[in-house]
Amino acid sequence: MVAPSAWASHILVASKSEAVQLRQNITKLKDFQKIARKKSTCPSSQKGGDLGWFRKGQMVRPFEEVVWKNELATVSEPVKTQFGYHLIWVHERDEA
């Protein structure tokens, strides 16, 4: 059986205050992608933060919890992991 999978993008920054500030400027996907290209410290920033499809269990737990709970096509609250603070945009989920 194949694990459920999701397609998400993220913006990774060093501080919660920066994540909160960036989040205020995001109302649609285009905003998210533009800010990801300019501000995210993850290599995915070159693709507007796009992480592509990944299976449940592939990401660190705090990140993954948001991917499975957050409403689709909205920006998450800042999420802290060992990498920094993420803003996550979930495009699609396949829960099969």
PDB file of N, CA and C in Angstrom:
ATOM      1  N   MET A   1       0.831  -1.189   0.000  1.00  0.00           N
ATOM      2  CA  MET A   1       0.000   0.000   0.000  1.00  0.00           C
ATOM      3  C   MET A   1       0.872   1.248   0.000  1.00  0.00           C
ATOM      4  N   VAL A   2       0.468   2.224  -0.781  1.00  0.00           N
ATOM      5  CA  VAL A   2       1.231   3.459  -0.910  1.00  0.00           C
ATOM      6  C   VAL A   2       0.797   4.439   0.182  1.00  0.00           C
ATOM      7  N   ALA A   3       1.767   5.059   0.807  1.00  0.00           N
ATOM      8  CA  ALA A   3       1.457   6.044   1.850  1.00  0.00           C
ATOM      9  C   ALA A   3       0.797   7.270   1.226  1.00  0.00           C
ATOM     10  N   PRO A   4      -0.067   7.944   1.968  1.00  0.00           N
ATOM     11  CA  PRO A   4      -0.654   9.178   1.446  1.00  0.00           C
ATOM     12  C   PRO A   4       0.450  10.163   1.072  1.00  0.00           C
ATOM     13  N   SER A   5       0.168  11.006   0.109  1.00  0.00           N
ATOM     14  CA  SER A   5       1.177  11.967  -0.304  1.00  0.00           C
ATOM     15  C   SER A   5       0.567  13.357  -0.424  1.00  0.00           C
ATOM     16  N   ALA A   6       1.441  14.344  -0.440  1.00  0.00           N
ATOM     17  CA  ALA A   6       1.006  15.729  -0.519  1.00  0.00           C
ATOM     18  C   ALA A   6       1.968  16.499  -1.404  1.00  0.00           C
ATOM     19  N   TRP A   7       1.462  17.599  -1.948  1.00  0.00           N
ATOM     20  CA  TRP A   7       2.285  18.509  -2.733  1.00  0.00           C
ATOM     21  C   TRP A   7       2.247  19.848  -2.016  1.00  0.00           C
ATOM     22  N   ALA A   8       3.417  20.323  -1.592  1.00  0.00           N
ATOM     23  CA  ALA A   8       3.468  21.562  -0.824  1.00  0.00           C
ATOM     24  C   ALA A   8       4.675  22.408  -1.223  1.00  0.00           C
ATOM     25  N   SER A   9       4.578  23.671  -0.877  1.00  0.00           N
ATOM     26  CA  SER A   9       5.685  24.615  -1.004  1.00  0.00           C
ATOM     27  C   SER A   9       5.939  25.193   0.376  1.00  0.00           C
ATOM     28  N   HIS A  10       7.150  25.730   0.569  1.00  0.00           N
ATOM     29  CA  HIS A  10       7.409  26.363   1.861  1.00  0.00           C
ATOM     30  C   HIS A  10       8.400  27.506   1.714  1.00  0.00           C
ATOM     31  N   ILE A  11       8.380  28.347   2.724  1.00  0.00           N
ATOM     32  CA  ILE A  11       9.354  29.426   2.872  1.00  0.00           C
ATOM     33  C   ILE A  11      10.060  29.138   4.184  1.00  0.00           C
ATOM     34  N   LEU A  12      11.377  29.105   4.155  1.00  0.00           N
ATOM     35  CA  LEU A  12      12.161  28.812   5.352  1.00  0.00           C
ATOM     36  C   LEU A  12      12.964  30.047   5.738  1.00  0.00           C
ATOM     37  N   VAL A  13      12.779  30.493   6.977  1.00  0.00           N
ATOM     38  CA  VAL A  13      13.522  31.646   7.492  1.00  0.00           C
ATOM     39  C   VAL A  13      14.039  31.330   8.888  1.00  0.00           C
ATOM     40  N   ALA A  14      14.931  32.189   9.392  1.00  0.00           N
ATOM     41  CA  ALA A  14      15.598  31.905  10.661  1.00  0.00           C
ATOM     42  C   ALA A  14      14.761  32.232  11.895  1.00  0.00           C
ATOM     43  N   SER A  15      13.882  33.233  11.798  1.00  0.00           N
ATOM     44  CA  SER A  15      13.181  33.663  13.015  1.00  0.00           C
ATOM     45  C   SER A  15      11.666  33.639  12.860  1.00  0.00           C
ATOM     46  N   LYS A  16      11.001  33.468  13.988  1.00  0.00           N
ATOM     47  CA  LYS A  16       9.540  33.477  13.991  1.00  0.00           C
ATOM     48  C   LYS A  16       9.021  34.853  13.599  1.00  0.00           C
ATOM     49  N   SER A  17       9.675  35.905  14.081  1.00  0.00           N
ATOM     50  CA  SER A  17       9.203  37.259  13.769  1.00  0.00           C
ATOM     51  C   SER A  17       9.257  37.518  12.266  1.00  0.00           C
ATOM     52  N   GLU A  18      10.310  37.029  11.602  1.00  0.00           N
ATOM     53  CA  GLU A  18      10.398  37.198  10.146  1.00  0.00           C
ATOM     54  C   GLU A  18       9.285  36.411   9.453  1.00  0.00           C
ATOM     55  N   ALA A  19       9.029  35.199   9.915  1.00  0.00           N
ATOM     56  CA  ALA A  19       7.971  34.377   9.323  1.00  0.00           C
ATOM     57  C   ALA A  19       6.609  35.059   9.482  1.00  0.00           C
ATOM     58  N   VAL A  20       6.348  35.602  10.666  1.00  0.00           N
ATOM     59  CA  VAL A  20       5.084  36.287  10.931  1.00  0.00           C
ATOM     60  C   VAL A  20       4.946  37.496  10.007  1.00  0.00           C
ATOM     61  N   GLN A  21       6.020  38.240   9.868  1.00  0.00           N
ATOM     62  CA  GLN A  21       6.008  39.436   9.019  1.00  0.00           C
ATOM     63  C   GLN A  21       5.755  39.062   7.553  1.00  0.00           C
ATOM     64  N   LEU A  22       6.433  38.044   7.064  1.00  0.00           N
ATOM     65  CA  LEU A  22       6.253  37.617   5.665  1.00  0.00           C
ATOM     66  C   LEU A  22       4.831  37.127   5.428  1.00  0.00           C
ATOM     67  N   ARG A  23       4.297  36.401   6.407  1.00  0.00           N
ATOM     68  CA  ARG A  23       2.960  35.827   6.262  1.00  0.00           C
ATOM     69  C   ARG A  23       1.907  36.907   6.029  1.00  0.00           C
ATOM     70  N   GLN A  24       2.110  38.073   6.624  1.00  0.00           N
ATOM     71  CA  GLN A  24       1.152  39.170   6.487  1.00  0.00           C
ATOM     72  C   GLN A  24       1.056  39.677   5.040  1.00  0.00           C
ATOM     73  N   ASN A  25       2.071  39.407   4.246  1.00  0.00           N
ATOM     74  CA  ASN A  25       2.103  39.878   2.859  1.00  0.00           C
ATOM     75  C   ASN A  25       1.625  38.833   1.852  1.00  0.00           C
ATOM     76  N   ILE A  26       1.126  37.710   2.343  1.00  0.00           N
ATOM     77  CA  ILE A  26       0.721  36.626   1.441  1.00  0.00           C
ATOM     78  C   ILE A  26      -0.799  36.482   1.452  1.00  0.00           C
ATOM     79  N   THR A  27      -1.402  36.711   0.297  1.00  0.00           N
ATOM     80  CA  THR A  27      -2.846  36.484   0.183  1.00  0.00           C
ATOM     81  C   THR A  27      -3.143  35.437  -0.886  1.00  0.00           C
ATOM     82  N   LYS A  28      -2.208  35.231  -1.801  1.00  0.00           N
ATOM     83  CA  LYS A  28      -2.420  34.239  -2.861  1.00  0.00           C
ATOM     84  C   LYS A  28      -1.100  33.534  -3.185  1.00  0.00           C
ATOM     85  N   LEU A  29      -1.200  32.487  -3.970  1.00  0.00           N
ATOM     86  CA  LEU A  29      -0.025  31.669  -4.292  1.00  0.00           C
ATOM     87  C   LEU A  29       1.088  32.491  -4.936  1.00  0.00           C
ATOM     88  N   LYS A  30       0.742  33.403  -5.826  1.00  0.00           N
ATOM     89  CA  LYS A  30       1.776  34.227  -6.478  1.00  0.00           C
ATOM     90  C   LYS A  30       2.601  35.012  -5.458  1.00  0.00           C
ATOM     91  N   ASP A  31       1.925  35.542  -4.426  1.00  0.00           N
ATOM     92  CA  ASP A  31       2.641  36.254  -3.357  1.00  0.00           C
ATOM     93  C   ASP A  31       3.611  35.301  -2.662  1.00  0.00           C
ATOM     94  N   PHE A  32       3.104  34.117  -2.346  1.00  0.00           N
ATOM     95  CA  PHE A  32       3.900  33.108  -1.650  1.00  0.00           C
ATOM     96  C   PHE A  32       5.163  32.782  -2.456  1.00  0.00           C
ATOM     97  N   GLN A  33       4.992  32.520  -3.756  1.00  0.00           N
ATOM     98  CA  GLN A  33       6.115  32.134  -4.605  1.00  0.00           C
ATOM     99  C   GLN A  33       7.145  33.259  -4.724  1.00  0.00           C
ATOM    100  N   LYS A  34       6.656  34.483  -4.847  1.00  0.00           N
ATOM    101  CA  LYS A  34       7.545  35.631  -4.976  1.00  0.00           C
ATOM    102  C   LYS A  34       8.380  35.809  -3.701  1.00  0.00           C
ATOM    103  N   ILE A  35       7.716  35.725  -2.551  1.00  0.00           N
ATOM    104  CA  ILE A  35       8.422  35.869  -1.274  1.00  0.00           C
ATOM    105  C   ILE A  35       9.384  34.704  -1.059  1.00  0.00           C
ATOM    106  N   ALA A  36       8.987  33.509  -1.449  1.00  0.00           N
ATOM    107  CA  ALA A  36       9.878  32.339  -1.325  1.00  0.00           C
ATOM    108  C   ALA A  36      11.165  32.570  -2.124  1.00  0.00           C
ATOM    109  N   ARG A  37      11.029  33.071  -3.344  1.00  0.00           N
ATOM    110  CA  ARG A  37      12.215  33.319  -4.182  1.00  0.00           C
ATOM    111  C   ARG A  37      13.152  34.336  -3.544  1.00  0.00           C
ATOM    112  N   LYS A  38      12.589  35.342  -2.892  1.00  0.00           N
ATOM    113  CA  LYS A  38      13.400  36.428  -2.322  1.00  0.00           C
ATOM    114  C   LYS A  38      13.943  36.115  -0.934  1.00  0.00           C
ATOM    115  N   LYS A  39      13.155  35.442  -0.097  1.00  0.00           N
ATOM    116  CA  LYS A  39      13.477  35.356   1.326  1.00  0.00           C
ATOM    117  C   LYS A  39      13.830  33.970   1.862  1.00  0.00           C
ATOM    118  N   SER A  40      13.337  32.908   1.221  1.00  0.00           N
ATOM    119  CA  SER A  40      13.546  31.575   1.774  1.00  0.00           C
ATOM    120  C   SER A  40      15.017  31.173   1.710  1.00  0.00           C
ATOM    121  N   THR A  41      15.492  30.518   2.783  1.00  0.00           N
ATOM    122  CA  THR A  41      16.887  30.067   2.821  1.00  0.00           C
ATOM    123  C   THR A  41      17.037  28.635   2.317  1.00  0.00           C
ATOM    124  N   CYS A  42      15.929  28.001   1.915  1.00  0.00           N
ATOM    125  CA  CYS A  42      15.966  26.632   1.402  1.00  0.00           C
ATOM    126  C   CYS A  42      16.294  26.664  -0.092  1.00  0.00           C
ATOM    127  N   PRO A  43      17.039  25.665  -0.600  1.00  0.00           N
ATOM    128  CA  PRO A  43      17.303  25.613  -2.042  1.00  0.00           C
ATOM    129  C   PRO A  43      16.022  25.611  -2.891  1.00  0.00           C
ATOM    130  N   SER A  44      14.912  25.161  -2.317  1.00  0.00           N
ATOM    131  CA  SER A  44      13.646  25.159  -3.063  1.00  0.00           C
ATOM    132  C   SER A  44      13.180  26.577  -3.400  1.00  0.00           C
ATOM    133  N   SER A  45      13.819  27.582  -2.802  1.00  0.00           N
ATOM    134  CA  SER A  45      13.423  28.971  -3.063  1.00  0.00           C
ATOM    135  C   SER A  45      13.502  29.291  -4.554  1.00  0.00           C
ATOM    136  N   GLN A  46      14.432  28.663  -5.257  1.00  0.00           N
ATOM    137  CA  GLN A  46      14.585  28.904  -6.694  1.00  0.00           C
ATOM    138  C   GLN A  46      13.348  28.470  -7.477  1.00  0.00           C
ATOM    139  N   LYS A  47      12.563  27.569  -6.895  1.00  0.00           N
ATOM    140  CA  LYS A  47      11.324  27.107  -7.537  1.00  0.00           C
ATOM    141  C   LYS A  47      10.109  27.695  -6.832  1.00  0.00           C
ATOM    142  N   GLY A  48      10.274  28.853  -6.222  1.00  0.00           N
ATOM    143  CA  GLY A  48       9.175  29.484  -5.509  1.00  0.00           C
ATOM    144  C   GLY A  48       8.771  28.705  -4.272  1.00  0.00           C
ATOM    145  N   GLY A  49       9.717  27.934  -3.734  1.00  0.00           N
ATOM    146  CA  GLY A  49       9.459  27.156  -2.522  1.00  0.00           C
ATOM    147  C   GLY A  49       8.864  25.782  -2.768  1.00  0.00           C
ATOM    148  N   ASP A  50       8.657  25.433  -4.033  1.00  0.00           N
ATOM    149  CA  ASP A  50       7.978  24.172  -4.374  1.00  0.00           C
ATOM    150  C   ASP A  50       8.813  22.960  -3.982  1.00  0.00           C
ATOM    151  N   LEU A  51       8.234  22.115  -3.151  1.00  0.00           N
ATOM    152  CA  LEU A  51       8.896  20.877  -2.718  1.00  0.00           C
ATOM    153  C   LEU A  51       8.438  19.679  -3.538  1.00  0.00           C
ATOM    154  N   GLY A  52       7.440  19.883  -4.388  1.00  0.00           N
ATOM    155  CA  GLY A  52       6.893  18.775  -5.168  1.00  0.00           C
ATOM    156  C   GLY A  52       6.083  17.833  -4.280  1.00  0.00           C
ATOM    157  N   TRP A  53       5.830  16.636  -4.795  1.00  0.00           N
ATOM    158  CA  TRP A  53       5.061  15.618  -4.057  1.00  0.00           C
ATOM    159  C   TRP A  53       5.984  14.847  -3.129  1.00  0.00           C
ATOM    160  N   PHE A  54       5.508  14.549  -1.950  1.00  0.00           N
ATOM    161  CA  PHE A  54       6.257  13.693  -1.022  1.00  0.00           C
ATOM    162  C   PHE A  54       5.265  12.851  -0.234  1.00  0.00           C
ATOM    163  N   ARG A  55       5.756  11.732   0.266  1.00  0.00           N
ATOM    164  CA  ARG A  55       4.900  10.799   1.000  1.00  0.00           C
ATOM    165  C   ARG A  55       4.864  11.146   2.488  1.00  0.00           C
ATOM    166  N   LYS A  56       3.792  10.723   3.123  1.00  0.00           N
ATOM    167  CA  LYS A  56       3.674  10.888   4.568  1.00  0.00           C
ATOM    168  C   LYS A  56       4.850  10.164   5.216  1.00  0.00           C
ATOM    169  N   GLY A  57       5.509  10.810   6.148  1.00  0.00           N
ATOM    170  CA  GLY A  57       6.656  10.199   6.814  1.00  0.00           C
ATOM    171  C   GLY A  57       8.000  10.677   6.282  1.00  0.00           C
ATOM    172  N   GLN A  58       8.002  11.441   5.187  1.00  0.00           N
ATOM    173  CA  GLN A  58       9.276  11.889   4.608  1.00  0.00           C
ATOM    174  C   GLN A  58       9.787  13.196   5.193  1.00  0.00           C
ATOM    175  N   MET A  59       8.889  13.982   5.772  1.00  0.00           N
ATOM    176  CA  MET A  59       9.282  15.285   6.309  1.00  0.00           C
ATOM    177  C   MET A  59       9.364  15.220   7.834  1.00  0.00           C
ATOM    178  N   VAL A  60      10.019  16.209   8.427  1.00  0.00           N
ATOM    179  CA  VAL A  60      10.096  16.243   9.894  1.00  0.00           C
ATOM    180  C   VAL A  60       8.685  16.437  10.460  1.00  0.00           C
ATOM    181  N   ARG A  61       8.469  15.892  11.641  1.00  0.00           N
ATOM    182  CA  ARG A  61       7.117  15.813  12.204  1.00  0.00           C
ATOM    183  C   ARG A  61       6.362  17.146  12.283  1.00  0.00           C
ATOM    184  N   PRO A  62       6.933  18.223  12.859  1.00  0.00           N
ATOM    185  CA  PRO A  62       6.135  19.463  12.966  1.00  0.00           C
ATOM    186  C   PRO A  62       5.689  19.980  11.593  1.00  0.00           C
ATOM    187  N   PHE A  63       6.558  19.830  10.615  1.00  0.00           N
ATOM    188  CA  PHE A  63       6.248  20.254   9.244  1.00  0.00           C
ATOM    189  C   PHE A  63       5.110  19.403   8.699  1.00  0.00           C
ATOM    190  N   GLU A  64       5.274  18.115   8.854  1.00  0.00           N
ATOM    191  CA  GLU A  64       4.284  17.184   8.317  1.00  0.00           C
ATOM    192  C   GLU A  64       2.903  17.344   8.951  1.00  0.00           C
ATOM    193  N   GLU A  65       2.865  17.592  10.248  1.00  0.00           N
ATOM    194  CA  GLU A  65       1.571  17.774  10.918  1.00  0.00           C
ATOM    195  C   GLU A  65       0.778  18.903  10.267  1.00  0.00           C
ATOM    196  N   VAL A  66       1.454  19.980   9.927  1.00  0.00           N
ATOM    197  CA  VAL A  66       0.782  21.119   9.289  1.00  0.00           C
ATOM    198  C   VAL A  66       0.333  20.750   7.876  1.00  0.00           C
ATOM    199  N   VAL A  67       1.168  20.026   7.155  1.00  0.00           N
ATOM    200  CA  VAL A  67       0.810  19.625   5.791  1.00  0.00           C
ATOM    201  C   VAL A  67      -0.504  18.847   5.779  1.00  0.00           C
ATOM    202  N   TRP A  68      -0.729  18.025   6.799  1.00  0.00           N
ATOM    203  CA  TRP A  68      -1.938  17.193   6.819  1.00  0.00           C
ATOM    204  C   TRP A  68      -3.126  17.853   7.487  1.00  0.00           C
ATOM    205  N   LYS A  69      -2.897  18.974   8.218  1.00  0.00           N
ATOM    206  CA  LYS A  69      -4.009  19.638   8.910  1.00  0.00           C
ATOM    207  C   LYS A  69      -4.434  20.941   8.253  1.00  0.00           C
ATOM    208  N   ASN A  70      -3.486  21.629   7.642  1.00  0.00           N
ATOM    209  CA  ASN A  70      -3.775  22.957   7.106  1.00  0.00           C
ATOM    210  C   ASN A  70      -4.757  22.888   5.943  1.00  0.00           C
ATOM    211  N   GLU A  71      -5.561  23.926   5.821  1.00  0.00           N
ATOM    212  CA  GLU A  71      -6.487  24.013   4.698  1.00  0.00           C
ATOM    213  C   GLU A  71      -5.680  24.139   3.405  1.00  0.00           C
ATOM    214  N   LEU A  72      -6.166  23.517   2.339  1.00  0.00           N
ATOM    215  CA  LEU A  72      -5.477  23.610   1.053  1.00  0.00           C
ATOM    216  C   LEU A  72      -5.486  25.052   0.552  1.00  0.00           C
ATOM    217  N   ALA A  73      -4.426  25.408  -0.179  1.00  0.00           N
ATOM    218  CA  ALA A  73      -4.299  26.713  -0.842  1.00  0.00           C
ATOM    219  C   ALA A  73      -4.396  27.891   0.129  1.00  0.00           C
ATOM    220  N   THR A  74      -3.843  27.708   1.323  1.00  0.00           N
ATOM    221  CA  THR A  74      -3.720  28.811   2.280  1.00  0.00           C
ATOM    222  C   THR A  74      -2.321  28.738   2.887  1.00  0.00           C
ATOM    223  N   VAL A  75      -1.857  29.834   3.417  1.00  0.00           N
ATOM    224  CA  VAL A  75      -0.536  29.841   4.045  1.00  0.00           C
ATOM    225  C   VAL A  75      -0.682  29.502   5.528  1.00  0.00           C
ATOM    226  N   SER A  76       0.197  28.636   5.999  1.00  0.00           N
ATOM    227  CA  SER A  76       0.139  28.193   7.398  1.00  0.00           C
ATOM    228  C   SER A  76       0.666  29.272   8.339  1.00  0.00           C
ATOM    229  N   GLU A  77       0.398  29.061   9.610  1.00  0.00           N
ATOM    230  CA  GLU A  77       1.079  29.832  10.650  1.00  0.00           C
ATOM    231  C   GLU A  77       2.551  29.383  10.629  1.00  0.00           C
ATOM    232  N   PRO A  78       3.474  30.174  11.187  1.00  0.00           N
ATOM    233  CA  PRO A  78       4.875  29.732  11.239  1.00  0.00           C
ATOM    234  C   PRO A  78       5.012  28.406  11.997  1.00  0.00           C
ATOM    235  N   VAL A  79       5.844  27.529  11.467  1.00  0.00           N
ATOM    236  CA  VAL A  79       6.078  26.200  12.048  1.00  0.00           C
ATOM    237  C   VAL A  79       7.562  26.078  12.354  1.00  0.00           C
ATOM    238  N   LYS A  80       7.898  25.772  13.603  1.00  0.00           N
ATOM    239  CA  LYS A  80       9.305  25.642  13.994  1.00  0.00           C
ATOM    240  C   LYS A  80       9.776  24.203  13.835  1.00  0.00           C
ATOM    241  N   THR A  81      10.914  24.044  13.156  1.00  0.00           N
ATOM    242  CA  THR A  81      11.592  22.744  13.085  1.00  0.00           C
ATOM    243  C   THR A  81      13.065  22.999  13.390  1.00  0.00           C
ATOM    244  N   GLN A  82      13.870  21.946  13.335  1.00  0.00           N
ATOM    245  CA  GLN A  82      15.302  22.133  13.586  1.00  0.00           C
ATOM    246  C   GLN A  82      15.965  22.962  12.485  1.00  0.00           C
ATOM    247  N   PHE A  83      15.273  23.189  11.372  1.00  0.00           N
ATOM    248  CA  PHE A  83      15.843  23.948  10.259  1.00  0.00           C
ATOM    249  C   PHE A  83      15.557  25.442  10.366  1.00  0.00           C
ATOM    250  N   GLY A  84      14.548  25.806  11.152  1.00  0.00           N
ATOM    251  CA  GLY A  84      14.147  27.204  11.266  1.00  0.00           C
ATOM    252  C   GLY A  84      12.633  27.288  11.302  1.00  0.00           C
ATOM    253  N   TYR A  85      12.097  28.375  10.770  1.00  0.00           N
ATOM    254  CA  TYR A  85      10.649  28.585  10.754  1.00  0.00           C
ATOM    255  C   TYR A  85      10.127  28.493   9.331  1.00  0.00           C
ATOM    256  N   HIS A  86       9.084  27.718   9.155  1.00  0.00           N
ATOM    257  CA  HIS A  86       8.499  27.497   7.838  1.00  0.00           C
ATOM    258  C   HIS A  86       7.129  28.155   7.742  1.00  0.00           C
ATOM    259  N   LEU A  87       6.831  28.659   6.557  1.00  0.00           N
ATOM    260  CA  LEU A  87       5.461  28.977   6.162  1.00  0.00           C
ATOM    261  C   LEU A  87       5.157  27.949   5.083  1.00  0.00           C
ATOM    262  N   ILE A  88       4.047  27.275   5.193  1.00  0.00           N
ATOM    263  CA  ILE A  88       3.750  26.154   4.288  1.00  0.00           C
ATOM    264  C   ILE A  88       2.474  26.439   3.504  1.00  0.00           C
ATOM    265  N   TRP A  89       2.534  26.136   2.229  1.00  0.00           N
ATOM    266  CA  TRP A  89       1.374  26.249   1.337  1.00  0.00           C
ATOM    267  C   TRP A  89       1.129  24.848   0.782  1.00  0.00           C
ATOM    268  N   VAL A  90      -0.016  24.253   1.103  1.00  0.00           N
ATOM    269  CA  VAL A  90      -0.335  22.903   0.611  1.00  0.00           C
ATOM    270  C   VAL A  90      -1.186  23.050  -0.645  1.00  0.00           C
ATOM    271  N   HIS A  91      -0.661  22.547  -1.758  1.00  0.00           N
ATOM    272  CA  HIS A  91      -1.375  22.618  -3.039  1.00  0.00           C
ATOM    273  C   HIS A  91      -2.438  21.525  -3.144  1.00  0.00           C
ATOM    274  N   GLU A  92      -1.999  20.298  -2.864  1.00  0.00           N
ATOM    275  CA  GLU A  92      -2.896  19.138  -2.997  1.00  0.00           C
ATOM    276  C   GLU A  92      -2.504  18.056  -2.021  1.00  0.00           C
ATOM    277  N   ARG A  93      -3.456  17.193  -1.708  1.00  0.00           N
ATOM    278  CA  ARG A  93      -3.179  16.003  -0.893  1.00  0.00           C
ATOM    279  C   ARG A  93      -3.870  14.815  -1.568  1.00  0.00           C
ATOM    280  N   ASP A  94      -3.168  13.693  -1.562  1.00  0.00           N
ATOM    281  CA  ASP A  94      -3.757  12.438  -2.040  1.00  0.00           C
ATOM    282  C   ASP A  94      -3.745  11.507  -0.841  1.00  0.00           C
ATOM    283  N   GLU A  95      -4.887  11.332  -0.235  1.00  0.00           N
ATOM    284  CA  GLU A  95      -4.958  10.565   1.018  1.00  0.00           C
ATOM    285  C   GLU A  95      -5.250   9.098   0.802  1.00  0.00           C
ATOM    286  N   ALA A  96      -5.118   8.646  -0.438  1.00  0.00           N
ATOM    287  CA  ALA A  96      -5.429   7.246  -0.774  1.00  0.00           C
ATOM    288  C   ALA A  96      -4.520   6.287  -0.041  1.00  0.00           C
TER     289      ALA A  96
END
